[in-house]
Amino acid sequence: MSELPEGLEDLARLETLVMNDNRIRRLPARIGMLKKLKKLFLHNNLIAQLPSELACLEHLREFSLEWFMYLLPPMPKILRESKGQAVIDHLKQFCRTA
């Protein structure tokens, strides 16, 4: 699998999406249609870009991406609680202005 499955945007009440270890290469813009999403786990994939539509995920509270652990200082794969929320908020703001 290199992309998220078709029809995913039809799951309007989806709150958790776990797509770890799937060789996903890109996130489609339609990811922003998952308005109820609270947890998004995407580590161990091949994602090189994030769509600006991530800014639409207003309820996102946990988010995992493999490359976070390569930052200085290192960060955990899964971001949550106050530190994670600050990074998620910053990411959403960046997506809004990109």
PDB file of N, CA and C in Angstrom:
ATOM      1  N   MET A   1       0.849  -1.168   0.000  1.00  0.00           N
ATOM      2  CA  MET A   1       0.000   0.000   0.000  1.00  0.00           C
ATOM      3  C   MET A   1       0.898   1.234   0.000  1.00  0.00           C
ATOM      4  N   SER A   2       0.625   2.166  -0.903  1.00  0.00           N
ATOM      5  CA  SER A   2       1.418   3.389  -0.905  1.00  0.00           C
ATOM      6  C   SER A   2       0.560   4.624  -0.642  1.00  0.00           C
ATOM      7  N   GLU A   3      -0.754   4.460  -0.573  1.00  0.00           N
ATOM      8  CA  GLU A   3      -1.665   5.555  -0.281  1.00  0.00           C
ATOM      9  C   GLU A   3      -2.756   5.065   0.659  1.00  0.00           C
ATOM     10  N   LEU A   4      -3.444   6.002   1.272  1.00  0.00           N
ATOM     11  CA  LEU A   4      -4.582   5.635   2.107  1.00  0.00           C
ATOM     12  C   LEU A   4      -5.696   5.104   1.207  1.00  0.00           C
ATOM     13  N   PRO A   5      -6.507   4.200   1.689  1.00  0.00           N
ATOM     14  CA  PRO A   5      -7.551   3.611   0.848  1.00  0.00           C
ATOM     15  C   PRO A   5      -8.596   4.623   0.396  1.00  0.00           C
ATOM     16  N   GLU A   6      -9.162   4.373  -0.775  1.00  0.00           N
ATOM     17  CA  GLU A   6     -10.257   5.203  -1.288  1.00  0.00           C
ATOM     18  C   GLU A   6     -11.453   5.083  -0.352  1.00  0.00           C
ATOM     19  N   GLY A   7     -12.228   6.123  -0.258  1.00  0.00           N
ATOM     20  CA  GLY A   7     -13.428   6.100   0.560  1.00  0.00           C
ATOM     21  C   GLY A   7     -13.192   6.397   2.027  1.00  0.00           C
ATOM     22  N   LEU A   8     -11.950   6.624   2.407  1.00  0.00           N
ATOM     23  CA  LEU A   8     -11.638   6.897   3.806  1.00  0.00           C
ATOM     24  C   LEU A   8     -12.383   8.133   4.309  1.00  0.00           C
ATOM     25  N   GLU A   9     -12.540   9.109   3.441  1.00  0.00           N
ATOM     26  CA  GLU A   9     -13.208  10.353   3.829  1.00  0.00           C
ATOM     27  C   GLU A   9     -14.681  10.139   4.163  1.00  0.00           C
ATOM     28  N   ASP A  10     -15.234   9.003   3.786  1.00  0.00           N
ATOM     29  CA  ASP A  10     -16.633   8.695   4.097  1.00  0.00           C
ATOM     30  C   ASP A  10     -16.829   8.283   5.558  1.00  0.00           C
ATOM     31  N   LEU A  11     -15.745   8.059   6.259  1.00  0.00           N
ATOM     32  CA  LEU A  11     -15.815   7.641   7.668  1.00  0.00           C
ATOM     33  C   LEU A  11     -15.843   8.882   8.555  1.00  0.00           C
ATOM     34  N   ALA A  12     -16.917   9.625   8.464  1.00  0.00           N
ATOM     35  CA  ALA A  12     -17.027  10.933   9.113  1.00  0.00           C
ATOM     36  C   ALA A  12     -16.874  10.879  10.630  1.00  0.00           C
ATOM     37  N   ARG A  13     -17.199   9.756  11.250  1.00  0.00           N
ATOM     38  CA  ARG A  13     -17.123   9.667  12.715  1.00  0.00           C
ATOM     39  C   ARG A  13     -15.832   9.009  13.206  1.00  0.00           C
ATOM     40  N   LEU A  14     -14.909   8.723  12.292  1.00  0.00           N
ATOM     41  CA  LEU A  14     -13.648   8.075  12.655  1.00  0.00           C
ATOM     42  C   LEU A  14     -12.861   8.952  13.625  1.00  0.00           C
ATOM     43  N   GLU A  15     -12.442   8.376  14.753  1.00  0.00           N
ATOM     44  CA  GLU A  15     -11.677   9.124  15.756  1.00  0.00           C
ATOM     45  C   GLU A  15     -10.226   8.693  15.835  1.00  0.00           C
ATOM     46  N   THR A  16      -9.913   7.464  15.424  1.00  0.00           N
ATOM     47  CA  THR A  16      -8.547   6.952  15.479  1.00  0.00           C
ATOM     48  C   THR A  16      -8.211   6.289  14.156  1.00  0.00           C
ATOM     49  N   LEU A  17      -7.058   6.661  13.601  1.00  0.00           N
ATOM     50  CA  LEU A  17      -6.584   6.046  12.365  1.00  0.00           C
ATOM     51  C   LEU A  17      -5.153   5.579  12.588  1.00  0.00           C
ATOM     52  N   VAL A  18      -4.947   4.271  12.493  1.00  0.00           N
ATOM     53  CA  VAL A  18      -3.632   3.676  12.680  1.00  0.00           C
ATOM     54  C   VAL A  18      -3.199   3.077  11.346  1.00  0.00           C
ATOM     55  N   MET A  19      -2.184   3.681  10.747  1.00  0.00           N
ATOM     56  CA  MET A  19      -1.680   3.219   9.455  1.00  0.00           C
ATOM     57  C   MET A  19      -0.164   3.021   9.518  1.00  0.00           C
ATOM     58  N   ASN A  20       0.340   2.576  10.657  1.00  0.00           N
ATOM     59  CA  ASN A  20       1.769   2.339  10.823  1.00  0.00           C
ATOM     60  C   ASN A  20       2.226   1.189   9.924  1.00  0.00           C
ATOM     61  N   ASP A  21       3.487   1.250   9.497  1.00  0.00           N
ATOM     62  CA  ASP A  21       4.137   0.140   8.789  1.00  0.00           C
ATOM     63  C   ASP A  21       3.420  -0.266   7.510  1.00  0.00           C
ATOM     64  N   ASN A  22       2.996   0.700   6.702  1.00  0.00           N
ATOM     65  CA  ASN A  22       2.252   0.380   5.482  1.00  0.00           C
ATOM     66  C   ASN A  22       2.896   0.909   4.207  1.00  0.00           C
ATOM     67  N   ARG A  23       4.089   1.441   4.278  1.00  0.00           N
ATOM     68  CA  ARG A  23       4.786   1.977   3.103  1.00  0.00           C
ATOM     69  C   ARG A  23       4.002   3.082   2.402  1.00  0.00           C
ATOM     70  N   ILE A  24       3.248   3.826   3.179  1.00  0.00           N
ATOM     71  CA  ILE A  24       2.484   4.939   2.626  1.00  0.00           C
ATOM     72  C   ILE A  24       3.461   6.018   2.190  1.00  0.00           C
ATOM     73  N   ARG A  25       3.287   6.499   0.976  1.00  0.00           N
ATOM     74  CA  ARG A  25       4.187   7.513   0.419  1.00  0.00           C
ATOM     75  C   ARG A  25       3.616   8.921   0.503  1.00  0.00           C
ATOM     76  N   ARG A  26       2.289   9.018   0.537  1.00  0.00           N
ATOM     77  CA  ARG A  26       1.702  10.353   0.619  1.00  0.00           C
ATOM     78  C   ARG A  26       0.352  10.301   1.318  1.00  0.00           C
ATOM     79  N   LEU A  27       0.048  11.407   1.972  1.00  0.00           N
ATOM     80  CA  LEU A  27      -1.271  11.579   2.577  1.00  0.00           C
ATOM     81  C   LEU A  27      -2.102  12.413   1.617  1.00  0.00           C
ATOM     82  N   PRO A  28      -3.281  11.953   1.261  1.00  0.00           N
ATOM     83  CA  PRO A  28      -4.111  12.742   0.354  1.00  0.00           C
ATOM     84  C   PRO A  28      -4.730  13.933   1.066  1.00  0.00           C
ATOM     85  N   ALA A  29      -5.076  14.938   0.313  1.00  0.00           N
ATOM     86  CA  ALA A  29      -5.718  16.133   0.872  1.00  0.00           C
ATOM     87  C   ALA A  29      -7.015  15.766   1.574  1.00  0.00           C
ATOM     88  N   ARG A  30      -7.673  14.718   1.133  1.00  0.00           N
ATOM     89  CA  ARG A  30      -8.959  14.340   1.730  1.00  0.00           C
ATOM     90  C   ARG A  30      -8.839  13.890   3.189  1.00  0.00           C
ATOM     91  N   ILE A  31      -7.620  13.744   3.691  1.00  0.00           N
ATOM     92  CA  ILE A  31      -7.435  13.428   5.116  1.00  0.00           C
ATOM     93  C   ILE A  31      -8.080  14.515   5.973  1.00  0.00           C
ATOM     94  N   GLY A  32      -8.121  15.730   5.458  1.00  0.00           N
ATOM     95  CA  GLY A  32      -8.720  16.846   6.186  1.00  0.00           C
ATOM     96  C   GLY A  32     -10.223  16.720   6.358  1.00  0.00           C
ATOM     97  N   MET A  33     -10.844  15.785   5.665  1.00  0.00           N
ATOM     98  CA  MET A  33     -12.288  15.586   5.777  1.00  0.00           C
ATOM     99  C   MET A  33     -12.665  14.748   6.998  1.00  0.00           C
ATOM    100  N   LEU A  34     -11.672  14.183   7.661  1.00  0.00           N
ATOM    101  CA  LEU A  34     -11.931  13.355   8.851  1.00  0.00           C
ATOM    102  C   LEU A  34     -12.017  14.266  10.075  1.00  0.00           C
ATOM    103  N   LYS A  35     -13.059  15.043  10.137  1.00  0.00           N
ATOM    104  CA  LYS A  35     -13.213  16.122  11.120  1.00  0.00           C
ATOM    105  C   LYS A  35     -13.210  15.662  12.570  1.00  0.00           C
ATOM    106  N   LYS A  36     -13.561  14.419  12.841  1.00  0.00           N
ATOM    107  CA  LYS A  36     -13.637  13.916  14.225  1.00  0.00           C
ATOM    108  C   LYS A  36     -12.333  13.241  14.671  1.00  0.00           C
ATOM    109  N   LEU A  37     -11.346  13.176  13.780  1.00  0.00           N
ATOM    110  CA  LEU A  37     -10.122  12.436  14.068  1.00  0.00           C
ATOM    111  C   LEU A  37      -9.390  13.021  15.275  1.00  0.00           C
ATOM    112  N   LYS A  38      -9.110  12.166  16.256  1.00  0.00           N
ATOM    113  CA  LYS A  38      -8.383  12.568  17.462  1.00  0.00           C
ATOM    114  C   LYS A  38      -6.978  11.992  17.499  1.00  0.00           C
ATOM    115  N   LYS A  39      -6.800  10.811  16.884  1.00  0.00           N
ATOM    116  CA  LYS A  39      -5.503  10.128  16.918  1.00  0.00           C
ATOM    117  C   LYS A  39      -5.132   9.698  15.503  1.00  0.00           C
ATOM    118  N   LEU A  40      -3.925  10.061  15.088  1.00  0.00           N
ATOM    119  CA  LEU A  40      -3.427   9.715  13.765  1.00  0.00           C
ATOM    120  C   LEU A  40      -2.025   9.141  13.917  1.00  0.00           C
ATOM    121  N   PHE A  41      -1.881   7.863  13.615  1.00  0.00           N
ATOM    122  CA  PHE A  41      -0.612   7.155  13.773  1.00  0.00           C
ATOM    123  C   PHE A  41      -0.099   6.736  12.402  1.00  0.00           C
ATOM    124  N   LEU A  42       1.031   7.300  12.000  1.00  0.00           N
ATOM    125  CA  LEU A  42       1.573   7.078  10.664  1.00  0.00           C
ATOM    126  C   LEU A  42       3.052   6.710  10.675  1.00  0.00           C
ATOM    127  N   HIS A  43       3.610   6.292  11.805  1.00  0.00           N
ATOM    128  CA  HIS A  43       5.049   6.049  11.812  1.00  0.00           C
ATOM    129  C   HIS A  43       5.411   4.785  11.030  1.00  0.00           C
ATOM    130  N   ASN A  44       6.690   4.725  10.652  1.00  0.00           N
ATOM    131  CA  ASN A  44       7.244   3.663   9.816  1.00  0.00           C
ATOM    132  C   ASN A  44       6.585   3.615   8.446  1.00  0.00           C
ATOM    133  N   ASN A  45       6.441   4.779   7.830  1.00  0.00           N
ATOM    134  CA  ASN A  45       5.981   4.904   6.455  1.00  0.00           C
ATOM    135  C   ASN A  45       7.010   5.717   5.685  1.00  0.00           C
ATOM    136  N   LEU A  46       6.737   6.038   4.447  1.00  0.00           N
ATOM    137  CA  LEU A  46       7.680   6.747   3.582  1.00  0.00           C
ATOM    138  C   LEU A  46       7.171   8.135   3.207  1.00  0.00           C
ATOM    139  N   ILE A  47       6.435   8.753   4.092  1.00  0.00           N
ATOM    140  CA  ILE A  47       5.804  10.040   3.823  1.00  0.00           C
ATOM    141  C   ILE A  47       6.861  11.146   3.799  1.00  0.00           C
ATOM    142  N   ALA A  48       6.901  11.892   2.693  1.00  0.00           N
ATOM    143  CA  ALA A  48       7.873  12.972   2.561  1.00  0.00           C
ATOM    144  C   ALA A  48       7.233  14.345   2.693  1.00  0.00           C
ATOM    145  N   GLN A  49       5.914  14.433   2.496  1.00  0.00           N
ATOM    146  CA  GLN A  49       5.210  15.712   2.588  1.00  0.00           C
ATOM    147  C   GLN A  49       3.915  15.526   3.350  1.00  0.00           C
ATOM    148  N   LEU A  50       3.507  16.588   4.015  1.00  0.00           N
ATOM    149  CA  LEU A  50       2.222  16.585   4.712  1.00  0.00           C
ATOM    150  C   LEU A  50       1.296  17.577   4.021  1.00  0.00           C
ATOM    151  N   PRO A  51       0.045  17.187   3.783  1.00  0.00           N
ATOM    152  CA  PRO A  51      -0.881  18.112   3.125  1.00  0.00           C
ATOM    153  C   PRO A  51      -1.320  19.223   4.077  1.00  0.00           C
ATOM    154  N   SER A  52      -1.567  20.389   3.542  1.00  0.00           N
ATOM    155  CA  SER A  52      -2.005  21.511   4.371  1.00  0.00           C
ATOM    156  C   SER A  52      -3.365  21.240   5.002  1.00  0.00           C
ATOM    157  N   GLU A  53      -4.116  20.292   4.473  1.00  0.00           N
ATOM    158  CA  GLU A  53      -5.432  19.950   5.017  1.00  0.00           C
ATOM    159  C   GLU A  53      -5.362  19.344   6.415  1.00  0.00           C
ATOM    160  N   LEU A  54      -4.178  19.005   6.889  1.00  0.00           N
ATOM    161  CA  LEU A  54      -4.041  18.559   8.284  1.00  0.00           C
ATOM    162  C   LEU A  54      -4.526  19.645   9.235  1.00  0.00           C
ATOM    163  N   ALA A  55      -4.482  20.885   8.797  1.00  0.00           N
ATOM    164  CA  ALA A  55      -4.953  21.995   9.627  1.00  0.00           C
ATOM    165  C   ALA A  55      -6.444  21.884   9.916  1.00  0.00           C
ATOM    166  N   CYS A  56      -7.168  21.124   9.122  1.00  0.00           N
ATOM    167  CA  CYS A  56      -8.616  20.957   9.317  1.00  0.00           C
ATOM    168  C   CYS A  56      -8.942  19.975  10.441  1.00  0.00           C
ATOM    169  N   LEU A  57      -7.952  19.265  10.920  1.00  0.00           N
ATOM    170  CA  LEU A  57      -8.183  18.254  11.961  1.00  0.00           C
ATOM    171  C   LEU A  57      -8.158  18.916  13.332  1.00  0.00           C
ATOM    172  N   GLU A  58      -9.199  19.650  13.638  1.00  0.00           N
ATOM    173  CA  GLU A  58      -9.281  20.453  14.855  1.00  0.00           C
ATOM    174  C   GLU A  58      -9.268  19.633  16.141  1.00  0.00           C
ATOM    175  N   HIS A  59      -9.661  18.372  16.086  1.00  0.00           N
ATOM    176  CA  HIS A  59      -9.730  17.541  17.289  1.00  0.00           C
ATOM    177  C   HIS A  59      -8.499  16.659  17.483  1.00  0.00           C
ATOM    178  N   LEU A  60      -7.515  16.772  16.592  1.00  0.00           N
ATOM    179  CA  LEU A  60      -6.330  15.925  16.661  1.00  0.00           C
ATOM    180  C   LEU A  60      -5.577  16.162  17.967  1.00  0.00           C
ATOM    181  N   ARG A  61      -5.353  15.090  18.726  1.00  0.00           N
ATOM    182  CA  ARG A  61      -4.687  15.184  20.024  1.00  0.00           C
ATOM    183  C   ARG A  61      -3.450  14.292  20.129  1.00  0.00           C
ATOM    184  N   GLU A  62      -3.364  13.257  19.288  1.00  0.00           N
ATOM    185  CA  GLU A  62      -2.186  12.384  19.255  1.00  0.00           C
ATOM    186  C   GLU A  62      -1.809  12.171  17.802  1.00  0.00           C
ATOM    187  N   PHE A  63      -0.497  12.289  17.527  1.00  0.00           N
ATOM    188  CA  PHE A  63      -0.027  12.239  16.151  1.00  0.00           C
ATOM    189  C   PHE A  63       1.348  11.591  16.155  1.00  0.00           C
ATOM    190  N   SER A  64       1.543  10.581  15.327  1.00  0.00           N
ATOM    191  CA  SER A  64       2.860   9.945  15.300  1.00  0.00           C
ATOM    192  C   SER A  64       3.426   9.961  13.887  1.00  0.00           C
ATOM    193  N   LEU A  65       4.687  10.306  13.810  1.00  0.00           N
ATOM    194  CA  LEU A  65       5.444  10.272  12.563  1.00  0.00           C
ATOM    195  C   LEU A  65       6.849   9.818  12.894  1.00  0.00           C
ATOM    196  N   GLU A  66       7.419   8.989  12.086  1.00  0.00           N
ATOM    197  CA  GLU A  66       8.740   8.421  12.329  1.00  0.00           C
ATOM    198  C   GLU A  66       9.831   9.476  12.502  1.00  0.00           C
ATOM    199  N   TRP A  67       9.823  10.500  11.667  1.00  0.00           N
ATOM    200  CA  TRP A  67      10.965  11.415  11.676  1.00  0.00           C
ATOM    201  C   TRP A  67      11.044  12.313  12.901  1.00  0.00           C
ATOM    202  N   PHE A  68      10.031  12.359  13.734  1.00  0.00           N
ATOM    203  CA  PHE A  68      10.112  13.169  14.941  1.00  0.00           C
ATOM    204  C   PHE A  68      11.265  12.733  15.845  1.00  0.00           C
ATOM    205  N   MET A  69      11.584  11.459  15.843  1.00  0.00           N
ATOM    206  CA  MET A  69      12.653  11.007  16.735  1.00  0.00           C
ATOM    207  C   MET A  69      14.046  11.385  16.220  1.00  0.00           C
ATOM    208  N   TYR A  70      14.138  11.964  15.024  1.00  0.00           N
ATOM    209  CA  TYR A  70      15.426  12.393  14.496  1.00  0.00           C
ATOM    210  C   TYR A  70      15.694  13.876  14.709  1.00  0.00           C
ATOM    211  N   LEU A  71      14.787  14.571  15.331  1.00  0.00           N
ATOM    212  CA  LEU A  71      14.977  15.986  15.620  1.00  0.00           C
ATOM    213  C   LEU A  71      15.924  16.177  16.789  1.00  0.00           C
ATOM    214  N   LEU A  72      16.477  17.353  16.877  1.00  0.00           N
ATOM    215  CA  LEU A  72      17.315  17.689  18.029  1.00  0.00           C
ATOM    216  C   LEU A  72      16.616  18.770  18.821  1.00  0.00           C
ATOM    217  N   PRO A  73      16.257  18.529  20.051  1.00  0.00           N
ATOM    218  CA  PRO A  73      16.377  17.264  20.764  1.00  0.00           C
ATOM    219  C   PRO A  73      15.375  16.234  20.223  1.00  0.00           C
ATOM    220  N   PRO A  74      15.689  14.953  20.382  1.00  0.00           N
ATOM    221  CA  PRO A  74      14.799  13.902  19.891  1.00  0.00           C
ATOM    222  C   PRO A  74      13.422  13.997  20.542  1.00  0.00           C
ATOM    223  N   MET A  75      12.431  13.579  19.791  1.00  0.00           N
ATOM    224  CA  MET A  75      11.061  13.555  20.294  1.00  0.00           C
ATOM    225  C   MET A  75      10.525  12.136  20.140  1.00  0.00           C
ATOM    226  N   PRO A  76       9.552  11.765  20.944  1.00  0.00           N
ATOM    227  CA  PRO A  76       8.968  10.430  20.798  1.00  0.00           C
ATOM    228  C   PRO A  76       8.153  10.326  19.504  1.00  0.00           C
ATOM    229  N   LYS A  77       7.901   9.107  19.077  1.00  0.00           N
ATOM    230  CA  LYS A  77       7.092   8.898  17.880  1.00  0.00           C
ATOM    231  C   LYS A  77       5.683   9.438  18.059  1.00  0.00           C
ATOM    232  N   ILE A  78       5.109   9.225  19.215  1.00  0.00           N
ATOM    233  CA  ILE A  78       3.736   9.644  19.474  1.00  0.00           C
ATOM    234  C   ILE A  78       3.757  10.910  20.311  1.00  0.00           C
ATOM    235  N   LEU A  79       3.113  11.938  19.801  1.00  0.00           N
ATOM    236  CA  LEU A  79       3.038  13.194  20.524  1.00  0.00           C
ATOM    237  C   LEU A  79       1.670  13.315  21.159  1.00  0.00           C
ATOM    238  N   ARG A  80       1.655  13.614  22.435  1.00  0.00           N
ATOM    239  CA  ARG A  80       0.386  13.777  23.164  1.00  0.00           C
ATOM    240  C   ARG A  80       0.614  14.706  24.336  1.00  0.00           C
ATOM    241  N   GLU A  81      -0.444  14.984  25.060  1.00  0.00           N
ATOM    242  CA  GLU A  81      -0.431  15.864  26.226  1.00  0.00           C
ATOM    243  C   GLU A  81       0.062  17.255  25.846  1.00  0.00           C
ATOM    244  N   SER A  82       0.551  18.035  26.768  1.00  0.00           N
ATOM    245  CA  SER A  82       0.828  19.448  26.489  1.00  0.00           C
ATOM    246  C   SER A  82       1.943  19.644  25.465  1.00  0.00           C
ATOM    247  N   LYS A  83       3.037  18.909  25.562  1.00  0.00           N
ATOM    248  CA  LYS A  83       4.128  19.074  24.596  1.00  0.00           C
ATOM    249  C   LYS A  83       3.680  18.636  23.209  1.00  0.00           C
ATOM    250  N   GLY A  84       3.014  17.521  23.144  1.00  0.00           N
ATOM    251  CA  GLY A  84       2.508  17.043  21.863  1.00  0.00           C
ATOM    252  C   GLY A  84       1.494  17.989  21.275  1.00  0.00           C
ATOM    253  N   GLN A  85       0.616  18.520  22.115  1.00  0.00           N
ATOM    254  CA  GLN A  85      -0.407  19.433  21.616  1.00  0.00           C
ATOM    255  C   GLN A  85       0.224  20.705  21.067  1.00  0.00           C
ATOM    256  N   ALA A  86       1.283  21.173  21.689  1.00  0.00           N
ATOM    257  CA  ALA A  86       1.968  22.365  21.199  1.00  0.00           C
ATOM    258  C   ALA A  86       2.557  22.110  19.810  1.00  0.00           C
ATOM    259  N   VAL A  87       3.149  20.953  19.605  1.00  0.00           N
ATOM    260  CA  VAL A  87       3.713  20.614  18.293  1.00  0.00           C
ATOM    261  C   VAL A  87       2.602  20.444  17.268  1.00  0.00           C
ATOM    262  N   ILE A  88       1.521  19.771  17.651  1.00  0.00           N
ATOM    263  CA  ILE A  88       0.383  19.585  16.748  1.00  0.00           C
ATOM    264  C   ILE A  88      -0.206  20.940  16.366  1.00  0.00           C
ATOM    265  N   ASP A  89      -0.376  21.835  17.332  1.00  0.00           N
ATOM    266  CA  ASP A  89      -0.916  23.167  17.049  1.00  0.00           C
ATOM    267  C   ASP A  89      -0.002  23.939  16.100  1.00  0.00           C
ATOM    268  N   HIS A  90       1.307  23.824  16.335  1.00  0.00           N
ATOM    269  CA  HIS A  90       2.273  24.497  15.467  1.00  0.00           C
ATOM    270  C   HIS A  90       2.196  23.920  14.051  1.00  0.00           C
ATOM    271  N   LEU A  91       2.082  22.606  13.938  1.00  0.00           N
ATOM    272  CA  LEU A  91       1.967  21.959  12.648  1.00  0.00           C
ATOM    273  C   LEU A  91       0.697  22.407  11.927  1.00  0.00           C
ATOM    274  N   LYS A  92      -0.415  22.482  12.654  1.00  0.00           N
ATOM    275  CA  LYS A  92      -1.663  22.942  12.042  1.00  0.00           C
ATOM    276  C   LYS A  92      -1.532  24.373  11.548  1.00  0.00           C
ATOM    277  N   GLN A  93      -0.901  25.240  12.339  1.00  0.00           N
ATOM    278  CA  GLN A  93      -0.710  26.636  11.928  1.00  0.00           C
ATOM    279  C   GLN A  93       0.157  26.705  10.688  1.00  0.00           C
ATOM    280  N   PHE A  94       1.204  25.902  10.658  1.00  0.00           N
ATOM    281  CA  PHE A  94       2.072  25.857   9.483  1.00  0.00           C
ATOM    282  C   PHE A  94       1.300  25.414   8.245  1.00  0.00           C
ATOM    283  N   CYS A  95       0.447  24.399   8.411  1.00  0.00           N
ATOM    284  CA  CYS A  95      -0.358  23.905   7.289  1.00  0.00           C
ATOM    285  C   CYS A  95      -1.333  24.972   6.797  1.00  0.00           C
ATOM    286  N   ARG A  96      -1.871  25.761   7.692  1.00  0.00           N
ATOM    287  CA  ARG A  96      -2.808  26.827   7.303  1.00  0.00           C
ATOM    288  C   ARG A  96      -2.127  27.886   6.447  1.00  0.00           C
ATOM    289  N   THR A  97      -0.868  28.168   6.742  1.00  0.00           N
ATOM    290  CA  THR A  97      -0.177  29.237   6.032  1.00  0.00           C
ATOM    291  C   THR A  97       0.618  28.738   4.839  1.00  0.00           C
ATOM    292  N   ALA A  98       0.773  27.439   4.717  1.00  0.00           N
ATOM    293  CA  ALA A  98       1.571  26.876   3.590  1.00  0.00           C
ATOM    294  C   ALA A  98       0.817  26.946   2.278  1.00  0.00           C
TER     295      ALA A  98
END
